[in-house]
Amino acid sequence: MPPALAQTLFFFGHYDCRVYLRGQAYVDVGRGSLSCALKVTQIPEHHVGSLGSIGNFCEFSTSEIHASGEHANELPINIGFANSPMIARRADEMSARTGLVQAAPINIGHNVVISAGARVLAGVQVGDGVVLGAAGVLTRNAEAFGIYAGLPARRIRERFHEGVRERVKATQWWNFSTAYIAENISRLQELAVTERSHEYQTACPRFVLAFDNTQQSIQCLGFADGEQVHALTQAPVKVREYVLQAFSQKGQHYWVADIWRQA
């Protein structure tokens, strides 16, 4: 990964983001999971709008999340004419004009780990806390807090016993504020299973980014407040300054757990 891209991911990694991956196709990704959005592959050329979402604090290794590419084997013609460019291009254009959905929704929960060489096929829903083992291929929905492995991947065991699972579901540690996690990292394992009052992240705007796979770079397009997207020039001064340093290779840099709260 180029140093400039790595630096940008670090700066925006503390925040919810909307990442445009190809043209007008985007995925919403939660705090601590930004690099996971870059693992989404097989994005239809003419897809417009949301590809789905990835939750908070996920880690994907050298893995792939497929947005499309599954063959519709129940139909008479089950191919996309990839080796016939003239036909494929016209088929794509027709799909774009008619508004046909070309990508199956990506819905991946919080605290999901997808190990090296693993794949999640298009349309598969992944629950909170799932672990997909190395080289596993998930072809069906994965229920929360299970460990999956194999080809096709199957649930081989629970991550932990029911008592711990219920306490983690109650605390939802992935919704703790970023500052709270940083300040309590030494006892985060304990806090993740206690049901005392915690400091949770307050809602804040989502940075809107565009990833250029060819150049391996990211551009900030602005921010989304709900579904309304605004130019970066409309953000508070402190937010603009924070974003600008994310792309600077000079001077001293600083991280802020929640720049929107300080703005």
Protein backbone atom coordinates (compact mmCIF):
# COMPACT_ATOMS: atom_id res chain seq x y z
CA MET A 1 0.00 0.00 0.00
CA PRO A 2 1.46 3.40 -0.96
CA PRO A 3 2.46 5.53 2.07
CA ALA A 4 0.12 8.37 1.03
CA LEU A 5 -2.86 6.00 0.89
CA ALA A 6 -1.95 4.46 4.24
CA GLN A 7 -1.75 7.91 5.83
CA THR A 8 -5.15 8.90 4.45
CA LEU A 9 -6.74 5.69 5.74
CA PHE A 10 -5.33 6.37 9.21
CA PHE A 11 -6.83 9.86 9.33
CA PHE A 12 -10.30 8.90 8.16
CA GLY A 13 -10.28 5.53 9.90
CA HIS A 14 -11.67 7.01 13.13
CA TYR A 15 -14.88 8.02 11.34
CA ASP A 16 -17.88 6.68 9.50
CA CYS A 17 -17.29 7.08 5.78
CA ARG A 18 -19.02 6.66 2.45
CA VAL A 19 -16.54 5.34 -0.10
CA TYR A 20 -17.15 5.56 -3.83
CA LEU A 21 -15.34 2.58 -5.29
CA ARG A 22 -16.28 2.82 -8.94
CA GLY A 23 -18.20 5.59 -10.68
CA GLN A 24 -21.39 6.18 -8.68
CA ALA A 25 -21.24 2.93 -6.71
CA TYR A 26 -20.45 3.33 -3.03
CA VAL A 27 -20.34 1.43 0.26
CA ASP A 28 -20.96 2.90 3.72
CA VAL A 29 -18.33 1.79 6.21
CA GLY A 30 -18.15 2.27 9.97
CA ARG A 31 -15.40 3.52 12.27
CA GLY A 32 -12.29 1.37 12.39
CA SER A 33 -13.16 -0.47 9.16
CA LEU A 34 -12.23 1.93 6.38
CA SER A 35 -9.62 -0.26 4.68
CA CYS A 36 -12.22 -3.06 4.51
CA ALA A 37 -14.19 -1.06 1.94
CA LEU A 38 -11.24 -1.41 -0.45
CA LYS A 39 -11.68 -5.20 -0.43
CA VAL A 40 -15.02 -4.97 -2.28
CA THR A 41 -14.52 -6.37 -5.79
CA GLN A 42 -16.51 -7.20 -8.94
CA ILE A 43 -18.44 -3.94 -8.94
CA PRO A 44 -20.72 -3.62 -11.99
CA GLU A 45 -19.57 -0.84 -14.29
CA HIS A 46 -22.90 0.97 -14.47
CA HIS A 47 -24.12 0.44 -10.91
CA VAL A 48 -25.50 3.60 -9.33
CA GLY A 49 -25.95 4.10 -5.59
CA SER A 50 -25.33 1.98 -2.53
CA LEU A 51 -23.58 -1.38 -2.65
CA GLY A 52 -24.36 -1.95 1.04
CA SER A 53 -22.57 -1.44 4.33
CA ILE A 54 -19.72 -2.66 6.53
CA GLY A 55 -19.97 -2.16 10.29
CA ASN A 56 -17.61 -0.78 12.93
CA PHE A 57 -14.21 -2.23 13.80
CA CYS A 58 -13.93 -4.97 11.19
CA GLU A 59 -10.70 -6.46 9.91
CA PHE A 60 -10.39 -8.00 6.44
CA SER A 61 -7.06 -9.52 5.48
CA THR A 62 -6.08 -10.35 1.89
CA SER A 63 -9.70 -11.22 1.22
CA GLU A 64 -12.49 -10.24 -1.17
CA ILE A 65 -16.10 -9.16 -0.78
CA HIS A 66 -17.94 -9.72 -4.04
CA ALA A 67 -20.51 -7.15 -5.12
CA SER A 68 -21.60 -9.22 -8.12
CA GLY A 69 -20.33 -11.96 -10.38
CA GLU A 70 -22.66 -14.78 -9.33
CA HIS A 71 -24.12 -16.72 -12.24
CA ALA A 72 -27.92 -16.80 -12.46
CA ASN A 73 -27.99 -20.54 -13.11
CA GLU A 74 -31.79 -20.71 -12.84
CA LEU A 75 -32.09 -18.67 -16.08
CA PRO A 76 -31.69 -20.02 -19.63
CA ILE A 77 -28.69 -17.71 -20.22
CA ASN A 78 -26.43 -17.59 -17.16
CA ILE A 79 -23.37 -15.72 -18.48
CA GLY A 80 -22.37 -12.06 -18.70
CA PHE A 81 -20.66 -12.25 -22.12
CA ALA A 82 -17.34 -11.19 -20.55
CA ASN A 83 -15.41 -12.60 -23.52
CA SER A 84 -17.66 -10.86 -26.06
CA PRO A 85 -17.02 -7.14 -25.45
CA MET A 86 -19.55 -5.83 -27.97
CA ILE A 87 -22.38 -7.91 -26.46
CA ALA A 88 -21.24 -7.29 -22.87
CA ARG A 89 -21.13 -3.52 -23.37
CA ARG A 90 -24.63 -3.43 -24.85
CA ALA A 91 -25.96 -5.65 -22.07
CA ASP A 92 -24.45 -3.30 -19.46
CA GLU A 93 -25.90 -0.25 -21.18
CA MET A 94 -29.34 -1.86 -21.31
CA SER A 95 -29.17 -2.71 -17.61
CA ALA A 96 -28.19 0.87 -16.77
CA ARG A 97 -31.07 2.33 -18.81
CA THR A 98 -33.70 0.00 -17.39
CA GLY A 99 -32.51 0.42 -13.81
CA LEU A 100 -31.94 -3.27 -13.27
CA VAL A 101 -30.14 -4.07 -10.00
CA GLN A 102 -26.76 -5.49 -10.94
CA ALA A 103 -25.12 -5.82 -7.54
CA ALA A 104 -26.36 -7.90 -4.63
CA PRO A 105 -26.40 -5.96 -1.34
CA ILE A 106 -23.35 -6.12 0.93
CA ASN A 107 -24.38 -6.16 4.58
CA ILE A 108 -21.57 -6.98 6.98
CA GLY A 109 -22.01 -6.42 10.70
CA HIS A 110 -19.70 -5.04 13.35
CA ASN A 111 -16.47 -6.68 14.60
CA VAL A 112 -16.28 -9.07 11.65
CA VAL A 113 -12.95 -10.74 10.84
CA ILE A 114 -12.35 -12.14 7.35
CA SER A 115 -9.06 -14.00 7.21
CA ALA A 116 -6.42 -14.29 4.50
CA GLY A 117 -7.60 -15.58 1.14
CA ALA A 118 -11.25 -15.77 2.21
CA ARG A 119 -14.17 -14.60 0.10
CA VAL A 120 -17.71 -13.49 0.77
CA LEU A 121 -19.91 -13.98 -2.29
CA ALA A 122 -22.43 -11.44 -3.54
CA GLY A 123 -25.61 -11.05 -1.52
CA VAL A 124 -24.38 -12.91 1.56
CA GLN A 125 -25.30 -11.25 4.87
CA VAL A 126 -22.72 -11.45 7.67
CA GLY A 127 -23.78 -10.96 11.30
CA ASP A 128 -21.94 -9.16 14.09
CA GLY A 129 -18.82 -10.80 15.46
CA VAL A 130 -18.42 -13.40 12.71
CA VAL A 131 -14.99 -14.88 11.95
CA LEU A 132 -14.36 -16.38 8.50
CA GLY A 133 -11.30 -18.63 8.47
CA ALA A 134 -8.44 -18.44 5.99
CA ALA A 135 -9.35 -19.38 2.41
CA GLY A 136 -12.98 -19.94 3.39
CA VAL A 137 -15.69 -19.07 0.88
CA LEU A 138 -18.93 -17.85 2.42
CA THR A 139 -21.80 -18.70 0.09
CA ARG A 140 -24.68 -18.38 2.58
CA ASN A 141 -25.65 -15.95 5.32
CA ALA A 142 -23.51 -16.13 8.46
CA GLU A 143 -25.19 -15.79 11.85
CA ALA A 144 -23.71 -13.55 14.53
CA PHE A 145 -20.72 -14.63 16.64
CA GLY A 146 -20.03 -17.80 14.70
CA ILE A 147 -16.72 -19.08 13.36
CA TYR A 148 -16.99 -20.23 9.75
CA ALA A 149 -14.47 -22.17 7.68
CA GLY A 150 -14.21 -24.34 4.59
CA LEU A 151 -15.35 -24.40 0.97
CA PRO A 152 -18.18 -23.68 1.11
CA ALA A 153 -17.77 -22.16 4.56
CA ARG A 154 -19.88 -23.65 7.35
CA ARG A 155 -20.34 -22.71 10.99
CA ILE A 156 -17.85 -24.87 12.87
CA ARG A 157 -18.33 -23.45 16.37
CA GLU A 158 -19.37 -20.48 18.46
CA ARG A 159 -16.84 -17.77 19.31
CA PHE A 160 -17.76 -18.02 22.98
CA HIS A 161 -20.45 -19.51 25.23
CA GLU A 162 -23.95 -18.11 25.43
CA GLY A 163 -23.42 -16.05 28.60
CA VAL A 164 -20.54 -14.08 27.08
CA ARG A 165 -22.36 -13.75 23.77
CA GLU A 166 -25.40 -12.20 25.43
CA ARG A 167 -23.28 -9.75 27.42
CA VAL A 168 -21.39 -8.65 24.31
CA LYS A 169 -24.69 -8.19 22.49
CA ALA A 170 -25.88 -6.05 25.41
CA THR A 171 -22.82 -3.80 25.63
CA GLN A 172 -22.19 -3.54 21.85
CA TRP A 173 -18.63 -2.41 22.53
CA TRP A 174 -18.18 -1.46 18.85
CA ASN A 175 -20.52 1.46 19.53
CA PHE A 176 -18.33 2.84 22.34
CA SER A 177 -16.96 6.27 21.45
CA THR A 178 -13.51 6.25 19.87
CA ALA A 179 -12.12 8.36 22.71
CA TYR A 180 -13.61 6.00 25.31
CA ILE A 181 -11.98 2.99 23.63
CA ALA A 182 -8.60 4.76 23.44
CA GLU A 183 -8.74 5.80 27.08
CA ASN A 184 -9.78 2.34 28.29
CA ILE A 185 -7.89 0.06 25.92
CA SER A 186 -6.11 -1.73 28.80
CA ARG A 187 -9.45 -2.97 30.18
CA LEU A 188 -11.51 -3.07 27.01
CA GLN A 189 -11.92 -6.86 27.21
CA GLU A 190 -13.56 -6.44 30.61
CA LEU A 191 -15.74 -3.53 29.50
CA ALA A 192 -16.93 -5.51 26.46
CA VAL A 193 -18.73 -7.99 28.73
CA THR A 194 -19.98 -5.75 31.53
CA GLU A 195 -23.42 -4.18 31.44
CA ARG A 196 -22.55 -0.93 33.21
CA SER A 197 -23.15 2.44 31.60
CA HIS A 198 -20.68 3.22 28.82
CA GLU A 199 -19.86 6.26 26.70
CA TYR A 200 -21.25 5.61 23.26
CA GLN A 201 -20.43 7.36 20.01
CA THR A 202 -22.79 10.19 19.15
CA ALA A 203 -24.06 10.52 15.61
CA CYS A 204 -21.88 12.69 13.39
CA PRO A 205 -21.57 13.38 9.65
CA ARG A 206 -20.00 10.75 7.43
CA PHE A 207 -16.95 11.67 5.32
CA VAL A 208 -17.49 11.01 1.61
CA LEU A 209 -14.43 9.59 -0.13
CA ALA A 210 -13.61 8.38 -3.62
CA PHE A 211 -11.08 5.58 -4.09
CA ASP A 212 -9.06 5.43 -7.30
CA ASN A 213 -7.92 1.83 -7.64
CA THR A 214 -5.63 2.62 -10.58
CA GLN A 215 -3.73 5.34 -8.74
CA GLN A 216 -4.18 3.71 -5.31
CA SER A 217 -5.32 7.01 -3.86
CA ILE A 218 -8.29 8.52 -2.03
CA GLN A 219 -9.97 11.87 -2.54
CA CYS A 220 -12.32 13.57 -0.05
CA LEU A 221 -15.48 14.73 -1.81
CA GLY A 222 -17.10 16.24 1.28
CA PHE A 223 -19.38 14.90 3.97
CA ALA A 224 -22.85 13.40 4.27
CA ASP A 225 -25.27 14.55 6.94
CA GLY A 226 -27.93 11.90 6.66
CA GLU A 227 -28.44 11.38 2.95
CA GLN A 228 -27.56 14.97 2.06
CA VAL A 229 -24.01 15.28 0.70
CA HIS A 230 -22.21 18.60 1.24
CA ALA A 231 -18.96 19.98 -0.13
CA LEU A 232 -16.04 20.08 2.27
CA THR A 233 -16.12 23.88 2.11
CA GLN A 234 -19.37 23.74 4.09
CA ALA A 235 -17.71 21.92 7.01
CA PRO A 236 -16.48 23.78 10.10
CA VAL A 237 -12.95 25.20 9.84
CA LYS A 238 -11.45 22.63 12.25
CA VAL A 239 -12.90 19.80 10.18
CA ARG A 240 -11.48 21.24 6.96
CA GLU A 241 -8.04 21.65 8.56
CA TYR A 242 -8.13 18.08 9.83
CA VAL A 243 -9.01 16.74 6.38
CA LEU A 244 -6.33 18.80 4.60
CA GLN A 245 -3.55 17.41 6.80
CA ALA A 246 -4.65 13.89 5.89
CA PHE A 247 -3.30 14.51 2.39
CA SER A 248 -0.21 16.46 3.40
CA GLN A 249 3.19 14.79 3.42
CA LYS A 250 4.80 17.67 5.33
CA GLY A 251 4.69 19.04 8.86
CA GLN A 252 3.43 17.50 12.06
CA HIS A 253 0.19 15.57 12.01
CA TYR A 254 -2.36 14.93 14.72
CA TRP A 255 -5.32 12.59 15.18
CA VAL A 256 -8.62 13.54 16.78
CA ALA A 257 -11.07 10.94 18.03
CA ASP A 258 -14.10 13.04 17.08
CA ILE A 259 -13.26 16.20 15.14
CA TRP A 260 -16.97 16.95 14.64
CA ARG A 261 -17.50 17.28 18.39
CA GLN A 262 -14.61 19.74 18.66
CA ALA A 263 -15.64 21.78 15.63
